[in-house]
């Protein structure tokens, strides 16, 4: 294998470890940050685009949750009651 493929294999292992460590919640940018902190003593760097490509090859992505929405009250008509207290 070429030097690039060997580096990619090493990065894939690191990405999978970080991804599992943070319970599959981290996306590309957070993995990029953690990975660069890990690679800094080795004087290496990795771009977010490369990490994105490797994550696609590994078929992993962060868990996304839709924001909570209240039930739509606008569908029901509100009846106006008479003022009993006046």
PDB file of N, CA and C in Angstrom:
ATOM      1  N   UNK A   1       0.830  -1.215   0.000  1.00  0.00           N
ATOM      2  CA  UNK A   1       0.000   0.000   0.000  1.00  0.00           C
ATOM      3  C   UNK A   1       0.863   1.264   0.000  1.00  0.00           C
ATOM      4  N   UNK A   2       0.316   2.300  -0.586  1.00  0.00           N
ATOM      5  CA  UNK A   2       1.034   3.566  -0.652  1.00  0.00           C
ATOM      6  C   UNK A   2       1.051   4.246   0.722  1.00  0.00           C
ATOM      7  N   UNK A   3       1.832   5.297   0.830  1.00  0.00           N
ATOM      8  CA  UNK A   3       1.947   6.032   2.088  1.00  0.00           C
ATOM      9  C   UNK A   3       0.591   6.632   2.480  1.00  0.00           C
ATOM     10  N   UNK A   4      -0.113   7.157   1.479  1.00  0.00           N
ATOM     11  CA  UNK A   4      -1.416   7.785   1.723  1.00  0.00           C
ATOM     12  C   UNK A   4      -2.438   6.761   2.248  1.00  0.00           C
ATOM     13  N   UNK A   5      -2.452   5.576   1.655  1.00  0.00           N
ATOM     14  CA  UNK A   5      -3.401   4.533   2.100  1.00  0.00           C
ATOM     15  C   UNK A   5      -3.058   4.045   3.506  1.00  0.00           C
ATOM     16  N   UNK A   6      -1.785   3.984   3.826  1.00  0.00           N
ATOM     17  CA  UNK A   6      -1.370   3.582   5.173  1.00  0.00           C
ATOM     18  C   UNK A   6      -1.806   4.635   6.196  1.00  0.00           C
ATOM     19  N   UNK A   7      -1.650   5.912   5.839  1.00  0.00           N
ATOM     20  CA  UNK A   7      -2.097   6.995   6.717  1.00  0.00           C
ATOM     21  C   UNK A   7      -3.610   6.947   6.885  1.00  0.00           C
ATOM     22  N   UNK A   8      -4.336   6.700   5.786  1.00  0.00           N
ATOM     23  CA  UNK A   8      -5.798   6.611   5.854  1.00  0.00           C
ATOM     24  C   UNK A   8      -6.248   5.471   6.761  1.00  0.00           C
ATOM     25  N   UNK A   9      -5.566   4.338   6.687  1.00  0.00           N
ATOM     26  CA  UNK A   9      -5.919   3.203   7.543  1.00  0.00           C
ATOM     27  C   UNK A   9      -5.710   3.554   9.015  1.00  0.00           C
ATOM     28  N   UNK A  10      -4.609   4.259   9.319  1.00  0.00           N
ATOM     29  CA  UNK A  10      -4.338   4.691  10.691  1.00  0.00           C
ATOM     30  C   UNK A  10      -5.394   5.693  11.154  1.00  0.00           C
ATOM     31  N   UNK A  11      -5.726   6.650  10.279  1.00  0.00           N
ATOM     32  CA  UNK A  11      -6.735   7.651  10.623  1.00  0.00           C
ATOM     33  C   UNK A  11      -8.103   7.016  10.825  1.00  0.00           C
ATOM     34  N   UNK A  12      -8.439   6.015  10.029  1.00  0.00           N
ATOM     35  CA  UNK A  12      -9.730   5.337  10.182  1.00  0.00           C
ATOM     36  C   UNK A  12      -9.849   4.693  11.554  1.00  0.00           C
ATOM     37  N   UNK A  13      -8.768   4.069  12.013  1.00  0.00           N
ATOM     38  CA  UNK A  13      -8.784   3.465  13.348  1.00  0.00           C
ATOM     39  C   UNK A  13      -8.974   4.525  14.423  1.00  0.00           C
ATOM     40  N   UNK A  14      -8.267   5.637  14.276  1.00  0.00           N
ATOM     41  CA  UNK A  14      -8.391   6.724  15.250  1.00  0.00           C
ATOM     42  C   UNK A  14      -9.797   7.325  15.227  1.00  0.00           C
ATOM     43  N   UNK A  15     -10.355   7.506  14.030  1.00  0.00           N
ATOM     44  CA  UNK A  15     -11.699   8.072  13.898  1.00  0.00           C
ATOM     45  C   UNK A  15     -12.722   7.147  14.553  1.00  0.00           C
ATOM     46  N   UNK A  16     -12.619   5.851  14.295  1.00  0.00           N
ATOM     47  CA  UNK A  16     -13.553   4.899  14.902  1.00  0.00           C
ATOM     48  C   UNK A  16     -13.447   4.903  16.421  1.00  0.00           C
ATOM     49  N   UNK A  17     -12.233   5.025  16.941  1.00  0.00           N
ATOM     50  CA  UNK A  17     -12.042   5.049  18.389  1.00  0.00           C
ATOM     51  C   UNK A  17     -12.683   6.292  19.001  1.00  0.00           C
ATOM     52  N   UNK A  18     -12.430   7.461  18.378  1.00  0.00           N
ATOM     53  CA  UNK A  18     -13.008   8.720  18.875  1.00  0.00           C
ATOM     54  C   UNK A  18     -14.528   8.679  18.754  1.00  0.00           C
ATOM     55  N   UNK A  19     -15.023   8.160  17.632  1.00  0.00           N
ATOM     56  CA  UNK A  19     -16.459   8.076  17.387  1.00  0.00           C
ATOM     57  C   UNK A  19     -17.138   7.216  18.454  1.00  0.00           C
ATOM     58  N   UNK A  20     -16.528   6.096  18.797  1.00  0.00           N
ATOM     59  CA  UNK A  20     -17.091   5.210  19.823  1.00  0.00           C
ATOM     60  C   UNK A  20     -16.933   5.809  21.215  1.00  0.00           C
ATOM     61  N   UNK A  21     -15.827   6.493  21.445  1.00  0.00           N
ATOM     62  CA  UNK A  21     -15.551   7.087  22.761  1.00  0.00           C
ATOM     63  C   UNK A  21     -16.614   8.113  23.138  1.00  0.00           C
ATOM     64  N   UNK A  22     -17.100   8.860  22.158  1.00  0.00           N
ATOM     65  CA  UNK A  22     -18.089   9.902  22.416  1.00  0.00           C
ATOM     66  C   UNK A  22     -19.497   9.461  22.029  1.00  0.00           C
ATOM     67  N   UNK A  23     -19.748   8.149  22.092  1.00  0.00           N
ATOM     68  CA  UNK A  23     -21.072   7.548  21.931  1.00  0.00           C
ATOM     69  C   UNK A  23     -21.760   7.914  20.620  1.00  0.00           C
ATOM     70  N   UNK A  24     -21.011   8.010  19.544  1.00  0.00           N
ATOM     71  CA  UNK A  24     -21.504   8.254  18.189  1.00  0.00           C
ATOM     72  C   UNK A  24     -22.216   9.597  18.049  1.00  0.00           C
ATOM     73  N   UNK A  25     -21.874  10.537  18.913  1.00  0.00           N
ATOM     74  CA  UNK A  25     -22.512  11.855  18.869  1.00  0.00           C
ATOM     75  C   UNK A  25     -21.681  12.878  18.107  1.00  0.00           C
ATOM     76  N   UNK A  26     -20.393  12.609  17.938  1.00  0.00           N
ATOM     77  CA  UNK A  26     -19.514  13.583  17.314  1.00  0.00           C
ATOM     78  C   UNK A  26     -19.580  13.474  15.794  1.00  0.00           C
ATOM     79  N   UNK A  27     -19.669  14.647  15.153  1.00  0.00           N
ATOM     80  CA  UNK A  27     -19.639  14.718  13.704  1.00  0.00           C
ATOM     81  C   UNK A  27     -18.230  15.038  13.230  1.00  0.00           C
ATOM     82  N   UNK A  28     -18.145  15.484  11.995  1.00  0.00           N
ATOM     83  CA  UNK A  28     -16.847  15.711  11.356  1.00  0.00           C
ATOM     84  C   UNK A  28     -16.026  16.767  12.096  1.00  0.00           C
ATOM     85  N   UNK A  29     -16.641  17.890  12.433  1.00  0.00           N
ATOM     86  CA  UNK A  29     -15.864  18.994  13.014  1.00  0.00           C
ATOM     87  C   UNK A  29     -15.342  18.658  14.414  1.00  0.00           C
ATOM     88  N   UNK A  30     -16.142  17.994  15.220  1.00  0.00           N
ATOM     89  CA  UNK A  30     -15.676  17.651  16.562  1.00  0.00           C
ATOM     90  C   UNK A  30     -14.625  16.546  16.508  1.00  0.00           C
ATOM     91  N   UNK A  31     -14.805  15.603  15.601  1.00  0.00           N
ATOM     92  CA  UNK A  31     -13.786  14.567  15.426  1.00  0.00           C
ATOM     93  C   UNK A  31     -12.498  15.198  14.910  1.00  0.00           C
ATOM     94  N   UNK A  32     -12.622  16.170  14.006  1.00  0.00           N
ATOM     95  CA  UNK A  32     -11.463  16.895  13.482  1.00  0.00           C
ATOM     96  C   UNK A  32     -10.695  17.552  14.621  1.00  0.00           C
ATOM     97  N   UNK A  33     -11.423  18.196  15.531  1.00  0.00           N
ATOM     98  CA  UNK A  33     -10.777  18.876  16.656  1.00  0.00           C
ATOM     99  C   UNK A  33     -10.051  17.871  17.557  1.00  0.00           C
ATOM    100  N   UNK A  34     -10.732  16.800  17.932  1.00  0.00           N
ATOM    101  CA  UNK A  34     -10.133  15.789  18.804  1.00  0.00           C
ATOM    102  C   UNK A  34      -8.941  15.113  18.132  1.00  0.00           C
ATOM    103  N   UNK A  35      -9.074  14.818  16.855  1.00  0.00           N
ATOM    104  CA  UNK A  35      -8.010  14.142  16.117  1.00  0.00           C
ATOM    105  C   UNK A  35      -6.773  15.023  16.000  1.00  0.00           C
ATOM    106  N   UNK A  36      -6.978  16.317  15.738  1.00  0.00           N
ATOM    107  CA  UNK A  36      -5.829  17.218  15.624  1.00  0.00           C
ATOM    108  C   UNK A  36      -5.145  17.429  16.973  1.00  0.00           C
ATOM    109  N   UNK A  37      -5.908  17.378  18.060  1.00  0.00           N
ATOM    110  CA  UNK A  37      -5.277  17.441  19.387  1.00  0.00           C
ATOM    111  C   UNK A  37      -4.406  16.212  19.618  1.00  0.00           C
ATOM    112  N   UNK A  38      -4.881  15.086  19.117  1.00  0.00           N
ATOM    113  CA  UNK A  38      -4.139  13.833  19.265  1.00  0.00           C
ATOM    114  C   UNK A  38      -2.908  13.795  18.355  1.00  0.00           C
ATOM    115  N   UNK A  39      -3.013  14.384  17.168  1.00  0.00           N
ATOM    116  CA  UNK A  39      -1.921  14.343  16.196  1.00  0.00           C
ATOM    117  C   UNK A  39      -0.907  15.462  16.388  1.00  0.00           C
ATOM    118  N   UNK A  40      -1.249  16.462  17.202  1.00  0.00           N
ATOM    119  CA  UNK A  40      -0.367  17.617  17.398  1.00  0.00           C
ATOM    120  C   UNK A  40       1.018  17.241  17.916  1.00  0.00           C
ATOM    121  N   UNK A  41       1.154  16.355  18.906  1.00  0.00           N
ATOM    122  CA  UNK A  41       2.503  15.979  19.355  1.00  0.00           C
ATOM    123  C   UNK A  41       3.315  15.276  18.261  1.00  0.00           C
ATOM    124  N   UNK A  42       2.629  14.644  17.315  1.00  0.00           N
ATOM    125  CA  UNK A  42       3.316  13.968  16.212  1.00  0.00           C
ATOM    126  C   UNK A  42       3.616  14.921  15.059  1.00  0.00           C
ATOM    127  N   UNK A  43       3.217  16.191  15.221  1.00  0.00           N
ATOM    128  CA  UNK A  43       3.376  17.231  14.205  1.00  0.00           C
ATOM    129  C   UNK A  43       2.690  16.836  12.901  1.00  0.00           C
ATOM    130  N   UNK A  44       1.487  16.295  13.030  1.00  0.00           N
ATOM    131  CA  UNK A  44       0.672  15.942  11.880  1.00  0.00           C
ATOM    132  C   UNK A  44      -0.639  16.702  11.967  1.00  0.00           C
ATOM    133  N   UNK A  45      -1.296  16.854  10.817  1.00  0.00           N
ATOM    134  CA  UNK A  45      -2.599  17.515  10.763  1.00  0.00           C
ATOM    135  C   UNK A  45      -3.488  16.758   9.798  1.00  0.00           C
ATOM    136  N   UNK A  46      -4.779  16.993   9.926  1.00  0.00           N
ATOM    137  CA  UNK A  46      -5.734  16.341   9.042  1.00  0.00           C
ATOM    138  C   UNK A  46      -6.886  17.316   8.796  1.00  0.00           C
ATOM    139  N   UNK A  47      -7.319  17.432   7.558  1.00  0.00           N
ATOM    140  CA  UNK A  47      -8.371  18.375   7.217  1.00  0.00           C
ATOM    141  C   UNK A  47      -9.753  17.771   7.481  1.00  0.00           C
ATOM    142  N   UNK A  48     -10.749  18.623   7.715  1.00  0.00           N
ATOM    143  CA  UNK A  48     -12.113  18.123   7.916  1.00  0.00           C
ATOM    144  C   UNK A  48     -12.646  17.387   6.686  1.00  0.00           C
ATOM    145  N   UNK A  49     -12.218  17.824   5.520  1.00  0.00           N
ATOM    146  CA  UNK A  49     -12.684  17.183   4.288  1.00  0.00           C
ATOM    147  C   UNK A  49     -12.184  15.739   4.196  1.00  0.00           C
ATOM    148  N   UNK A  50     -10.961  15.520   4.597  1.00  0.00           N
ATOM    149  CA  UNK A  50     -10.400  14.168   4.584  1.00  0.00           C
ATOM    150  C   UNK A  50     -11.125  13.287   5.599  1.00  0.00           C
ATOM    151  N   UNK A  51     -11.398  13.851   6.769  1.00  0.00           N
ATOM    152  CA  UNK A  51     -12.126  13.114   7.793  1.00  0.00           C
ATOM    153  C   UNK A  51     -13.526  12.770   7.296  1.00  0.00           C
ATOM    154  N   UNK A  52     -14.172  13.708   6.621  1.00  0.00           N
ATOM    155  CA  UNK A  52     -15.492  13.462   6.065  1.00  0.00           C
ATOM    156  C   UNK A  52     -15.462  12.316   5.060  1.00  0.00           C
ATOM    157  N   UNK A  53     -14.455  12.325   4.213  1.00  0.00           N
ATOM    158  CA  UNK A  53     -14.319  11.261   3.212  1.00  0.00           C
ATOM    159  C   UNK A  53     -14.118   9.905   3.884  1.00  0.00           C
ATOM    160  N   UNK A  54     -13.265   9.874   4.898  1.00  0.00           N
ATOM    161  CA  UNK A  54     -12.997   8.618   5.602  1.00  0.00           C
ATOM    162  C   UNK A  54     -14.233   8.131   6.362  1.00  0.00           C
ATOM    163  N   UNK A  55     -15.002   9.066   6.938  1.00  0.00           N
ATOM    164  CA  UNK A  55     -16.218   8.670   7.632  1.00  0.00           C
ATOM    165  C   UNK A  55     -17.247   8.105   6.652  1.00  0.00           C
ATOM    166  N   UNK A  56     -17.299   8.657   5.453  1.00  0.00           N
ATOM    167  CA  UNK A  56     -18.206   8.119   4.436  1.00  0.00           C
ATOM    168  C   UNK A  56     -17.775   6.717   4.022  1.00  0.00           C
ATOM    169  N   UNK A  57     -16.466   6.507   3.906  1.00  0.00           N
ATOM    170  CA  UNK A  57     -15.964   5.174   3.568  1.00  0.00           C
ATOM    171  C   UNK A  57     -16.288   4.172   4.675  1.00  0.00           C
ATOM    172  N   UNK A  58     -16.231   4.622   5.935  1.00  0.00           N
ATOM    173  CA  UNK A  58     -16.554   3.761   7.064  1.00  0.00           C
ATOM    174  C   UNK A  58     -18.064   3.626   7.275  1.00  0.00           C
ATOM    175  N   UNK A  59     -18.832   4.459   6.566  1.00  0.00           N
ATOM    176  CA  UNK A  59     -20.296   4.491   6.668  1.00  0.00           C
ATOM    177  C   UNK A  59     -20.747   4.794   8.098  1.00  0.00           C
ATOM    178  N   UNK A  60     -20.151   5.845   8.675  1.00  0.00           N
ATOM    179  CA  UNK A  60     -20.553   6.297  10.007  1.00  0.00           C
ATOM    180  C   UNK A  60     -20.953   7.759   9.921  1.00  0.00           C
ATOM    181  N   UNK A  61     -21.898   8.146  10.756  1.00  0.00           N
ATOM    182  CA  UNK A  61     -22.315   9.540  10.855  1.00  0.00           C
ATOM    183  C   UNK A  61     -22.860   9.770  12.250  1.00  0.00           C
ATOM    184  N   UNK A  62     -22.888  11.020  12.665  1.00  0.00           N
ATOM    185  CA  UNK A  62     -23.317  11.318  14.026  1.00  0.00           C
ATOM    186  C   UNK A  62     -24.820  11.097  14.163  1.00  0.00           C
ATOM    187  N   UNK A  63     -25.228  10.825  15.377  1.00  0.00           N
ATOM    188  CA  UNK A  63     -26.637  10.643  15.672  1.00  0.00           C
ATOM    189  C   UNK A  63     -27.283  12.018  15.703  1.00  0.00           C
ATOM    190  N   UNK A  64     -28.335  12.191  14.932  1.00  0.00           N
ATOM    191  CA  UNK A  64     -29.045  13.471  14.925  1.00  0.00           C
ATOM    192  C   UNK A  64     -30.431  13.264  15.483  1.00  0.00           C
ATOM    193  N   UNK A  65     -30.879  14.214  16.267  1.00  0.00           N
ATOM    194  CA  UNK A  65     -32.200  14.144  16.883  1.00  0.00           C
ATOM    195  C   UNK A  65     -32.952  15.404  16.481  1.00  0.00           C
ATOM    196  N   UNK A  66     -34.185  15.219  16.041  1.00  0.00           N
ATOM    197  CA  UNK A  66     -34.996  16.377  15.681  1.00  0.00           C
ATOM    198  C   UNK A  66     -35.366  17.149  16.931  1.00  0.00           C
ATOM    199  N   UNK A  67     -35.463  18.461  16.794  1.00  0.00           N
ATOM    200  CA  UNK A  67     -35.845  19.290  17.919  1.00  0.00           C
ATOM    201  C   UNK A  67     -37.297  19.004  18.292  1.00  0.00           C
ATOM    202  N   UNK A  68     -37.585  19.142  19.560  1.00  0.00           N
ATOM    203  CA  UNK A  68     -38.927  18.882  20.056  1.00  0.00           C
ATOM    204  C   UNK A  68     -39.844  20.013  19.652  1.00  0.00           C
ATOM    205  N   UNK A  69     -41.021  19.663  19.191  1.00  0.00           N
ATOM    206  CA  UNK A  69     -42.022  20.668  18.848  1.00  0.00           C
ATOM    207  C   UNK A  69     -43.294  20.366  19.626  1.00  0.00           C
ATOM    208  N   UNK A  70     -43.919  21.403  20.097  1.00  0.00           N
ATOM    209  CA  UNK A  70     -45.192  21.231  20.783  1.00  0.00           C
ATOM    210  C   UNK A  70     -46.251  20.849  19.756  1.00  0.00           C
ATOM    211  N   UNK A  71     -47.252  20.139  20.196  1.00  0.00           N
ATOM    212  CA  UNK A  71     -48.342  19.770  19.298  1.00  0.00           C
ATOM    213  C   UNK A  71     -49.005  21.041  18.795  1.00  0.00           C
ATOM    214  N   UNK A  72     -49.342  21.043  17.564  1.00  0.00           N
ATOM    215  CA  UNK A  72     -49.922  22.238  16.961  1.00  0.00           C
ATOM    216  C   UNK A  72     -51.331  22.457  17.496  1.00  0.00           C
ATOM    217  N   UNK A  73     -51.514  23.521  18.233  1.00  0.00           N
ATOM    218  CA  UNK A  73     -52.823  23.845  18.791  1.00  0.00           C
ATOM    219  C   UNK A  73     -53.652  24.644  17.792  1.00  0.00           C
ATOM    220  N   UNK A  74     -53.041  25.103  16.730  1.00  0.00           N
ATOM    221  CA  UNK A  74     -53.752  25.944  15.772  1.00  0.00           C
ATOM    222  C   UNK A  74     -54.765  25.150  14.956  1.00  0.00           C
ATOM    223  N   UNK A  75     -54.669  23.819  14.961  1.00  0.00           N
ATOM    224  CA  UNK A  75     -55.595  22.997  14.194  1.00  0.00           C
ATOM    225  C   UNK A  75     -56.964  22.908  14.867  1.00  0.00           C
ATOM    226  N   UNK A  76     -56.989  23.067  16.180  1.00  0.00           N
ATOM    227  CA  UNK A  76     -58.257  22.998  16.893  1.00  0.00           C
ATOM    228  C   UNK A  76     -58.758  24.407  17.163  1.00  0.00           C
ATOM    229  N   UNK A  77     -60.074  24.554  17.055  1.00  0.00           N
ATOM    230  CA  UNK A  77     -60.662  25.857  17.322  1.00  0.00           C
ATOM    231  C   UNK A  77     -60.831  26.052  18.814  1.00  0.00           C
ATOM    232  N   UNK A  78     -60.495  27.221  19.299  1.00  0.00           N
ATOM    233  CA  UNK A  78     -60.627  27.537  20.715  1.00  0.00           C
ATOM    234  C   UNK A  78     -61.972  28.204  20.915  1.00  0.00           C
ATOM    235  N   UNK A  79     -62.763  27.638  21.802  1.00  0.00           N
ATOM    236  CA  UNK A  79     -64.059  28.233  22.097  1.00  0.00           C
ATOM    237  C   UNK A  79     -63.909  29.250  23.209  1.00  0.00           C
ATOM    238  N   UNK A  80     -64.571  30.373  23.036  1.00  0.00           N
ATOM    239  CA  UNK A  80     -64.476  31.409  24.054  1.00  0.00           C
ATOM    240  C   UNK A  80     -65.614  31.208  25.055  1.00  0.00           C
ATOM    241  N   UNK A  81     -65.221  31.133  26.324  1.00  0.00           N
ATOM    242  CA  UNK A  81     -66.215  30.932  27.390  1.00  0.00           C
ATOM    243  C   UNK A  81     -66.641  32.285  27.945  1.00  0.00           C
ATOM    244  N   UNK A  82     -67.812  32.291  28.494  1.00  0.00           N
ATOM    245  CA  UNK A  82     -68.302  33.543  29.091  1.00  0.00           C
ATOM    246  C   UNK A  82     -67.566  33.785  30.396  1.00  0.00           C
ATOM    247  N   UNK A  83     -67.390  35.045  30.749  1.00  0.00           N
ATOM    248  CA  UNK A  83     -66.691  35.450  31.956  1.00  0.00           C
ATOM    249  C   UNK A  83     -67.627  35.307  33.146  1.00  0.00           C
ATOM    250  N   UNK A  84     -67.386  34.264  33.943  1.00  0.00           N
ATOM    251  CA  UNK A  84     -68.276  34.021  35.091  1.00  0.00           C
ATOM    252  C   UNK A  84     -67.931  34.900  36.280  1.00  0.00           C
ATOM    253  N   UNK A  85     -66.717  35.332  36.403  1.00  0.00           N
ATOM    254  CA  UNK A  85     -66.294  36.143  37.547  1.00  0.00           C
ATOM    255  C   UNK A  85     -66.584  37.616  37.362  1.00  0.00           C
ATOM    256  N   UNK A  86     -66.660  38.064  36.150  1.00  0.00           N
ATOM    257  CA  UNK A  86     -66.911  39.457  35.786  1.00  0.00           C
ATOM    258  C   UNK A  86     -65.970  40.370  36.528  1.00  0.00           C
TER     259      UNK A  86
END
